[in-house]
C-alpha atoms as a PDB file:
ATOM      1  CA  MET A   1       0.000   0.000   0.000  1.00  0.00           C
ATOM      2  CA  SER A   2       1.305   3.500  -0.797  1.00  0.00           C
ATOM      3  CA  ASN A   3       1.618   6.588   1.373  1.00  0.00           C
ATOM      4  CA  ARG A   4      -1.473   8.743   1.887  1.00  0.00           C
ATOM      5  CA  MET A   5      -2.290  12.298   2.837  1.00  0.00           C
ATOM      6  CA  MET A   6      -5.150  12.555   5.332  1.00  0.00           C
ATOM      7  CA  ILE A   7      -7.006  15.812   6.044  1.00  0.00           C
ATOM      8  CA  SER A   8      -9.041  16.042   9.233  1.00  0.00           C
ATOM      9  CA  ARG A   9     -12.435  17.607   8.617  1.00  0.00           C
ATOM     10  CA  GLU A  10     -12.755  18.354  12.357  1.00  0.00           C
ATOM     11  CA  ASN A  11     -10.278  21.267  12.224  1.00  0.00           C
ATOM     12  CA  GLN A  12     -11.304  24.572  10.710  1.00  0.00           C
ATOM     13  CA  PRO A  13      -9.344  25.596   7.589  1.00  0.00           C
ATOM     14  CA  ILE A  14      -7.559  28.932   7.472  1.00  0.00           C
ATOM     15  CA  PRO A  15      -7.171  31.385   4.558  1.00  0.00           C
ATOM     16  CA  CYS A  16      -4.506  30.408   2.025  1.00  0.00           C
ATOM     17  CA  GLU A  17      -1.848  33.043   1.312  1.00  0.00           C
ATOM     18  CA  LYS A  18      -1.774  32.085  -2.381  1.00  0.00           C
ATOM     19  CA  CYS A  19      -5.481  31.945  -3.371  1.00  0.00           C
ATOM     20  CA  GLY A  20      -7.098  33.763  -0.412  1.00  0.00           C
ATOM     21  CA  GLN A  21      -9.748  31.058   0.102  1.00  0.00           C
ATOM     22  CA  PRO A  22     -10.338  29.588   3.582  1.00  0.00           C
ATOM     23  CA  SER A  23      -9.132  26.164   2.433  1.00  0.00           C
ATOM     24  CA  LEU A  24      -5.692  25.647   4.013  1.00  0.00           C
ATOM     25  CA  HIS A  25      -5.621  22.468   6.120  1.00  0.00           C
ATOM     26  CA  VAL A  26      -3.090  20.551   8.212  1.00  0.00           C
ATOM     27  CA  ALA A  27      -2.653  17.154   6.554  1.00  0.00           C
ATOM     28  CA  ARG A  28      -1.078  14.054   8.071  1.00  0.00           C
ATOM     29  CA  LEU A  29       1.251  12.006   5.867  1.00  0.00           C
ATOM     30  CA  VAL A  30       0.613   8.340   6.633  1.00  0.00           C
ATOM     31  CA  GLY A  31       2.660   5.372   5.403  1.00  0.00           C
ATOM     32  CA  GLY A  32       1.203   2.194   3.941  1.00  0.00           C
ATOM     33  CA  ASP A  33       1.521   0.523   7.331  1.00  0.00           C
ATOM     34  CA  GLY A  34      -0.451   3.320   9.052  1.00  0.00           C
ATOM     35  CA  ALA A  35       2.601   4.957  10.649  1.00  0.00           C
ATOM     36  CA  LEU A  36       2.620   8.763  10.832  1.00  0.00           C
ATOM     37  CA  LEU A  37       5.390  10.063   8.555  1.00  0.00           C
ATOM     38  CA  GLY A  38       4.838  13.771   9.176  1.00  0.00           C
ATOM     39  CA  GLN A  39       2.510  16.693   8.658  1.00  0.00           C
ATOM     40  CA  THR A  40       2.183  19.366   5.998  1.00  0.00           C
ATOM     41  CA  MET A  41      -0.094  22.229   5.050  1.00  0.00           C
ATOM     42  CA  VAL A  42      -2.263  21.716   1.953  1.00  0.00           C
ATOM     43  CA  CYS A  43      -4.707  24.087   0.271  1.00  0.00           C
ATOM     44  CA  THR A  44      -7.552  22.065  -1.174  1.00  0.00           C
ATOM     45  CA  GLU A  45      -8.586  24.944  -3.473  1.00  0.00           C
ATOM     46  CA  CYS A  46      -5.120  25.378  -5.022  1.00  0.00           C
ATOM     47  CA  HIS A  47      -4.726  21.593  -5.284  1.00  0.00           C
ATOM     48  CA  HIS A  48      -8.082  21.300  -7.073  1.00  0.00           C
ATOM     49  CA  ARG A  49      -7.189  24.053  -9.564  1.00  0.00           C
ATOM     50  CA  ARG A  50      -3.772  22.509 -10.231  1.00  0.00           C
ATOM     51  CA  SER A  51      -5.263  19.077 -10.935  1.00  0.00           C
ATOM     52  CA  GLU A  52      -7.783  20.599 -13.397  1.00  0.00           C
ATOM     53  CA  SER A  53      -5.113  22.500 -15.335  1.00  0.00           C
ATOM     54  CA  GLY A  54      -2.850  19.470 -15.778  1.00  0.00           C
ATOM     55  CA  PRO A  55       0.789  18.989 -14.835  1.00  0.00           C
ATOM     56  CA  GLU A  56       2.900  22.055 -14.179  1.00  0.00           C
ATOM     57  CA  ARG A  57       5.784  22.649 -16.535  1.00  0.00           C
ATOM     58  CA  THR A  58       9.060  24.165 -15.494  1.00  0.00           C
ATOM     59  CA  PRO A  59      11.353  25.999 -17.938  1.00  0.00           C
END
């Protein structure tokens, strides 16, 4: 099983500095065995927009 990112819906999101929407969450990074690997901040609005526009290209 691969690693997963889990967002708790119990915590209130905060405004994202990039898009301004109240959609910035603390996400737990969980390994395939269920062990906590770490935490990160993820904006669900920016992530949704990025997935709709396709992969980002770098020069």
